[in-house]
Amino acid sequence: MNKIQKLAILSVLPVAAALISLPAQAEPLPSGCDSGIGYRHAYSWARCTTGGGYVRAVATCAKGTAKKKVYGPWKVNAGAPEDRQASAWCPSSHPRVVGHSYDIKR
């Protein structure tokens, strides 16, 4: 490696170090969240009224006494209220929602 190459690398290192050490902007967590049971107990829903981040619905699904927890996909908490609603659908093996909740993340 010649002297010019070494100088070029050394001049870039402080800039790279500064970029790596910059703190990330913290996105506010979703808030004002609620969840419920959808039509015919086939799915659960979750929505948050404010904040950024993501929300997902969680359903406890059952068939008789057997229960299974199902997680819906993460939904971006932005846009119109109807766009903020997340859903978790019960599988045919456990077709009825008997419990509901939600998860949030940045």
N, C-alpha and C. Protein backbone atom coordinates (compact mmCIF):
# COMPACT_ATOMS: atom_id res chain seq x y z
N MET A 1 0.86 -1.17 0.00
CA MET A 1 0.00 0.00 0.00
C MET A 1 0.91 1.23 0.00
N ASN A 2 0.63 2.15 -0.89
CA ASN A 2 1.49 3.33 -0.97
C ASN A 2 1.00 4.42 -0.01
N LYS A 3 1.77 5.47 0.09
CA LYS A 3 1.51 6.55 1.05
C LYS A 3 0.18 7.26 0.78
N ILE A 4 -0.19 7.45 -0.46
CA ILE A 4 -1.44 8.14 -0.82
C ILE A 4 -2.64 7.29 -0.40
N GLN A 5 -2.56 5.99 -0.61
CA GLN A 5 -3.66 5.11 -0.22
C GLN A 5 -3.84 5.13 1.31
N LYS A 6 -2.73 5.10 2.03
CA LYS A 6 -2.81 5.13 3.49
C LYS A 6 -3.45 6.43 3.97
N LEU A 7 -3.07 7.55 3.37
CA LEU A 7 -3.63 8.84 3.75
C LEU A 7 -5.13 8.90 3.43
N ALA A 8 -5.53 8.34 2.30
CA ALA A 8 -6.94 8.33 1.93
C ALA A 8 -7.76 7.53 2.94
N ILE A 9 -7.27 6.39 3.34
CA ILE A 9 -7.97 5.55 4.33
C ILE A 9 -8.02 6.25 5.68
N LEU A 10 -6.92 6.84 6.10
CA LEU A 10 -6.88 7.51 7.40
C LEU A 10 -7.78 8.74 7.43
N SER A 11 -7.97 9.40 6.29
CA SER A 11 -8.82 10.58 6.27
C SER A 11 -10.31 10.20 6.32
N VAL A 12 -10.66 9.01 5.92
CA VAL A 12 -12.04 8.56 5.92
C VAL A 12 -12.45 8.00 7.29
N LEU A 13 -11.53 7.45 8.04
CA LEU A 13 -11.84 6.80 9.31
C LEU A 13 -12.57 7.70 10.31
N PRO A 14 -12.17 8.94 10.54
CA PRO A 14 -12.91 9.77 11.50
C PRO A 14 -14.37 10.01 11.09
N VAL A 15 -14.60 10.18 9.81
CA VAL A 15 -15.97 10.39 9.32
C VAL A 15 -16.79 9.12 9.55
N ALA A 16 -16.24 7.98 9.23
CA ALA A 16 -16.95 6.71 9.42
C ALA A 16 -17.25 6.48 10.90
N ALA A 17 -16.29 6.77 11.76
CA ALA A 17 -16.50 6.59 13.20
C ALA A 17 -17.60 7.52 13.72
N ALA A 18 -17.63 8.73 13.22
CA ALA A 18 -18.67 9.67 13.65
C ALA A 18 -20.05 9.21 13.21
N LEU A 19 -20.16 8.69 12.01
CA LEU A 19 -21.45 8.22 11.52
C LEU A 19 -21.94 7.01 12.31
N ILE A 20 -21.05 6.12 12.66
CA ILE A 20 -21.42 4.93 13.41
C ILE A 20 -21.87 5.29 14.82
N SER A 21 -21.28 6.29 15.42
CA SER A 21 -21.58 6.61 16.80
C SER A 21 -22.77 7.56 16.98
N LEU A 22 -23.38 8.02 15.88
CA LEU A 22 -24.54 8.89 16.01
C LEU A 22 -25.71 8.13 16.64
N PRO A 23 -26.39 8.73 17.62
CA PRO A 23 -27.53 8.04 18.21
C PRO A 23 -28.70 8.00 17.23
N ALA A 24 -29.41 6.89 17.22
CA ALA A 24 -30.57 6.75 16.36
C ALA A 24 -31.73 7.55 16.93
N GLN A 25 -32.52 8.12 16.05
CA GLN A 25 -33.70 8.84 16.49
C GLN A 25 -34.71 7.82 17.03
N ALA A 26 -35.14 8.01 18.24
CA ALA A 26 -36.10 7.09 18.84
C ALA A 26 -37.50 7.39 18.32
N GLU A 27 -38.11 6.40 17.74
CA GLU A 27 -39.49 6.54 17.27
C GLU A 27 -40.40 6.28 18.46
N PRO A 28 -41.43 7.09 18.66
CA PRO A 28 -42.30 6.86 19.81
C PRO A 28 -43.08 5.55 19.66
N LEU A 29 -43.25 4.89 20.78
CA LEU A 29 -44.03 3.66 20.77
C LEU A 29 -45.50 3.97 20.49
N PRO A 30 -46.20 3.03 19.89
CA PRO A 30 -47.64 3.22 19.72
C PRO A 30 -48.31 3.36 21.09
N SER A 31 -49.37 4.16 21.15
CA SER A 31 -50.11 4.31 22.41
C SER A 31 -51.59 4.46 22.09
N GLY A 32 -52.40 4.46 23.12
CA GLY A 32 -53.84 4.50 22.93
C GLY A 32 -54.33 3.24 22.25
N CYS A 33 -53.76 2.10 22.63
CA CYS A 33 -54.05 0.84 21.94
C CYS A 33 -55.24 0.11 22.57
N ASP A 34 -55.91 -0.66 21.72
CA ASP A 34 -57.07 -1.44 22.14
C ASP A 34 -57.10 -2.69 21.27
N SER A 35 -57.81 -3.70 21.74
CA SER A 35 -57.97 -4.92 20.95
C SER A 35 -59.37 -5.47 21.18
N GLY A 36 -59.79 -6.36 20.30
CA GLY A 36 -61.12 -6.94 20.43
C GLY A 36 -61.26 -8.17 19.56
N ILE A 37 -62.47 -8.69 19.54
CA ILE A 37 -62.78 -9.90 18.78
C ILE A 37 -63.62 -9.50 17.57
N GLY A 38 -63.24 -10.02 16.40
CA GLY A 38 -63.91 -9.70 15.16
C GLY A 38 -65.14 -10.56 14.88
N TYR A 39 -65.67 -10.35 13.71
CA TYR A 39 -66.91 -10.98 13.25
C TYR A 39 -66.88 -12.49 13.42
N ARG A 40 -67.92 -13.01 14.02
CA ARG A 40 -68.11 -14.45 14.23
C ARG A 40 -66.97 -15.10 15.02
N HIS A 41 -66.27 -14.35 15.79
CA HIS A 41 -65.17 -14.84 16.62
C HIS A 41 -64.08 -15.53 15.79
N ALA A 42 -63.92 -15.13 14.53
CA ALA A 42 -62.94 -15.76 13.65
C ALA A 42 -61.56 -15.12 13.74
N TYR A 43 -61.49 -13.89 14.24
CA TYR A 43 -60.20 -13.19 14.31
C TYR A 43 -60.23 -12.18 15.46
N SER A 44 -59.04 -11.73 15.84
CA SER A 44 -58.94 -10.62 16.79
C SER A 44 -58.35 -9.43 16.05
N TRP A 45 -58.58 -8.25 16.57
CA TRP A 45 -58.04 -7.03 15.96
C TRP A 45 -57.33 -6.22 17.04
N ALA A 46 -56.45 -5.35 16.59
CA ALA A 46 -55.75 -4.43 17.49
C ALA A 46 -55.49 -3.14 16.72
N ARG A 47 -55.55 -2.02 17.44
CA ARG A 47 -55.23 -0.73 16.82
C ARG A 47 -54.74 0.22 17.90
N CYS A 48 -53.92 1.16 17.47
CA CYS A 48 -53.39 2.20 18.35
C CYS A 48 -53.71 3.55 17.73
N THR A 49 -54.07 4.52 18.55
CA THR A 49 -54.50 5.81 18.02
C THR A 49 -53.35 6.79 17.79
N THR A 50 -52.24 6.64 18.52
CA THR A 50 -51.14 7.59 18.38
C THR A 50 -49.80 6.87 18.41
N GLY A 51 -48.76 7.65 18.15
CA GLY A 51 -47.40 7.10 18.18
C GLY A 51 -47.03 6.49 16.84
N GLY A 52 -45.78 6.13 16.73
CA GLY A 52 -45.29 5.48 15.51
C GLY A 52 -45.14 4.00 15.77
N GLY A 53 -44.12 3.42 15.19
CA GLY A 53 -43.83 2.02 15.45
C GLY A 53 -44.81 1.06 14.79
N TYR A 54 -44.94 -0.08 15.43
CA TYR A 54 -45.74 -1.17 14.86
C TYR A 54 -46.65 -1.77 15.93
N VAL A 55 -47.75 -2.35 15.46
CA VAL A 55 -48.69 -3.06 16.33
C VAL A 55 -49.06 -4.37 15.64
N ARG A 56 -49.32 -5.40 16.43
CA ARG A 56 -49.86 -6.64 15.87
C ARG A 56 -50.90 -7.21 16.82
N ALA A 57 -51.89 -7.85 16.25
CA ALA A 57 -52.96 -8.47 17.03
C ALA A 57 -52.50 -9.86 17.48
N VAL A 58 -52.98 -10.25 18.65
CA VAL A 58 -52.72 -11.58 19.19
C VAL A 58 -54.07 -12.20 19.52
N ALA A 59 -54.31 -13.41 19.04
CA ALA A 59 -55.58 -14.10 19.30
C ALA A 59 -55.30 -15.39 20.04
N THR A 60 -56.12 -15.68 21.04
CA THR A 60 -56.12 -16.99 21.65
C THR A 60 -57.29 -17.73 21.01
N CYS A 61 -56.96 -18.76 20.26
CA CYS A 61 -57.95 -19.49 19.48
C CYS A 61 -58.20 -20.84 20.14
N ALA A 62 -59.43 -21.34 19.99
CA ALA A 62 -59.77 -22.59 20.67
C ALA A 62 -60.66 -23.48 19.81
N LYS A 63 -60.58 -24.77 20.14
CA LYS A 63 -61.52 -25.78 19.65
C LYS A 63 -61.75 -26.69 20.85
N GLY A 64 -62.93 -26.61 21.41
CA GLY A 64 -63.19 -27.32 22.66
C GLY A 64 -62.34 -26.71 23.76
N THR A 65 -61.58 -27.55 24.45
CA THR A 65 -60.71 -27.05 25.52
C THR A 65 -59.28 -26.79 25.04
N ALA A 66 -58.97 -27.19 23.81
CA ALA A 66 -57.63 -26.97 23.26
C ALA A 66 -57.50 -25.52 22.82
N LYS A 67 -56.39 -24.89 23.22
CA LYS A 67 -56.16 -23.48 22.87
C LYS A 67 -54.82 -23.32 22.16
N LYS A 68 -54.76 -22.28 21.35
CA LYS A 68 -53.55 -21.96 20.59
C LYS A 68 -53.44 -20.45 20.45
N LYS A 69 -52.25 -19.91 20.69
CA LYS A 69 -52.03 -18.46 20.52
C LYS A 69 -51.53 -18.20 19.10
N VAL A 70 -52.16 -17.22 18.45
CA VAL A 70 -51.84 -16.88 17.06
C VAL A 70 -51.47 -15.40 17.00
N TYR A 71 -50.39 -15.09 16.28
CA TYR A 71 -49.91 -13.71 16.14
C TYR A 71 -50.12 -13.25 14.71
N GLY A 72 -50.74 -12.08 14.55
CA GLY A 72 -50.89 -11.50 13.23
C GLY A 72 -49.59 -10.83 12.80
N PRO A 73 -49.52 -10.38 11.56
CA PRO A 73 -48.32 -9.69 11.09
C PRO A 73 -48.21 -8.29 11.71
N TRP A 74 -46.98 -7.78 11.80
CA TRP A 74 -46.77 -6.42 12.30
C TRP A 74 -47.37 -5.44 11.31
N LYS A 75 -48.04 -4.44 11.83
CA LYS A 75 -48.68 -3.41 11.00
C LYS A 75 -48.10 -2.05 11.39
N VAL A 76 -47.71 -1.25 10.42
CA VAL A 76 -47.18 0.08 10.69
C VAL A 76 -48.29 0.94 11.30
N ASN A 77 -47.99 1.59 12.40
CA ASN A 77 -48.98 2.43 13.06
C ASN A 77 -48.94 3.84 12.48
N ALA A 78 -49.47 3.97 11.26
CA ALA A 78 -49.48 5.27 10.57
C ALA A 78 -50.65 5.30 9.60
N GLY A 79 -51.02 6.50 9.22
CA GLY A 79 -52.07 6.67 8.23
C GLY A 79 -53.45 6.79 8.85
N ALA A 80 -54.44 6.55 8.03
CA ALA A 80 -55.83 6.66 8.47
C ALA A 80 -56.14 5.59 9.52
N PRO A 81 -57.12 5.83 10.39
CA PRO A 81 -57.45 4.86 11.45
C PRO A 81 -57.69 3.44 10.93
N GLU A 82 -58.36 3.31 9.80
CA GLU A 82 -58.62 1.96 9.28
C GLU A 82 -57.35 1.28 8.77
N ASP A 83 -56.33 2.07 8.44
CA ASP A 83 -55.05 1.50 8.00
C ASP A 83 -54.19 1.04 9.17
N ARG A 84 -54.52 1.47 10.37
CA ARG A 84 -53.74 1.13 11.56
C ARG A 84 -54.18 -0.18 12.21
N GLN A 85 -55.29 -0.75 11.75
CA GLN A 85 -55.82 -1.94 12.41
C GLN A 85 -55.10 -3.20 11.96
N ALA A 86 -54.64 -3.99 12.93
CA ALA A 86 -53.98 -5.27 12.68
C ALA A 86 -54.95 -6.39 13.02
N SER A 87 -54.75 -7.55 12.39
CA SER A 87 -55.63 -8.69 12.62
C SER A 87 -54.83 -9.96 12.81
N ALA A 88 -55.37 -10.87 13.61
CA ALA A 88 -54.82 -12.22 13.78
C ALA A 88 -55.97 -13.20 13.58
N TRP A 89 -55.88 -14.02 12.56
CA TRP A 89 -56.96 -14.95 12.20
C TRP A 89 -56.69 -16.33 12.79
N CYS A 90 -57.73 -16.93 13.29
CA CYS A 90 -57.61 -18.28 13.85
C CYS A 90 -57.57 -19.31 12.72
N PRO A 91 -56.74 -20.36 12.89
CA PRO A 91 -56.69 -21.41 11.88
C PRO A 91 -57.90 -22.34 12.01
N SER A 92 -58.15 -23.12 10.99
CA SER A 92 -59.31 -24.03 11.03
C SER A 92 -59.19 -25.08 12.12
N SER A 93 -57.96 -25.36 12.56
CA SER A 93 -57.77 -26.34 13.64
C SER A 93 -58.24 -25.82 15.00
N HIS A 94 -58.29 -24.50 15.16
CA HIS A 94 -58.74 -23.83 16.39
C HIS A 94 -59.55 -22.61 15.96
N PRO A 95 -60.79 -22.81 15.50
CA PRO A 95 -61.50 -21.76 14.75
C PRO A 95 -62.14 -20.62 15.53
N ARG A 96 -62.12 -20.64 16.85
CA ARG A 96 -62.87 -19.63 17.60
C ARG A 96 -61.96 -18.81 18.52
N VAL A 97 -62.05 -17.46 18.40
CA VAL A 97 -61.28 -16.59 19.29
C VAL A 97 -61.92 -16.59 20.68
N VAL A 98 -61.11 -16.86 21.69
CA VAL A 98 -61.59 -16.81 23.07
C VAL A 98 -60.82 -15.78 23.90
N GLY A 99 -59.79 -15.19 23.31
CA GLY A 99 -59.02 -14.15 24.00
C GLY A 99 -58.31 -13.28 22.98
N HIS A 100 -58.02 -12.04 23.38
CA HIS A 100 -57.37 -11.11 22.46
C HIS A 100 -56.44 -10.19 23.22
N SER A 101 -55.39 -9.75 22.53
CA SER A 101 -54.45 -8.77 23.07
C SER A 101 -53.66 -8.20 21.89
N TYR A 102 -52.58 -7.50 22.21
CA TYR A 102 -51.75 -6.92 21.15
C TYR A 102 -50.32 -6.81 21.62
N ASP A 103 -49.40 -6.70 20.69
CA ASP A 103 -47.98 -6.43 20.93
C ASP A 103 -47.65 -5.13 20.21
N ILE A 104 -46.69 -4.37 20.76
CA ILE A 104 -46.20 -3.17 20.09
C ILE A 104 -44.68 -3.21 20.04
N LYS A 105 -44.11 -2.50 19.09
CA LYS A 105 -42.64 -2.35 19.01
C LYS A 105 -42.32 -1.07 18.26
N ARG A 106 -41.08 -0.62 18.40
CA ARG A 106 -40.60 0.58 17.69
C ARG A 106 -40.43 0.28 16.23
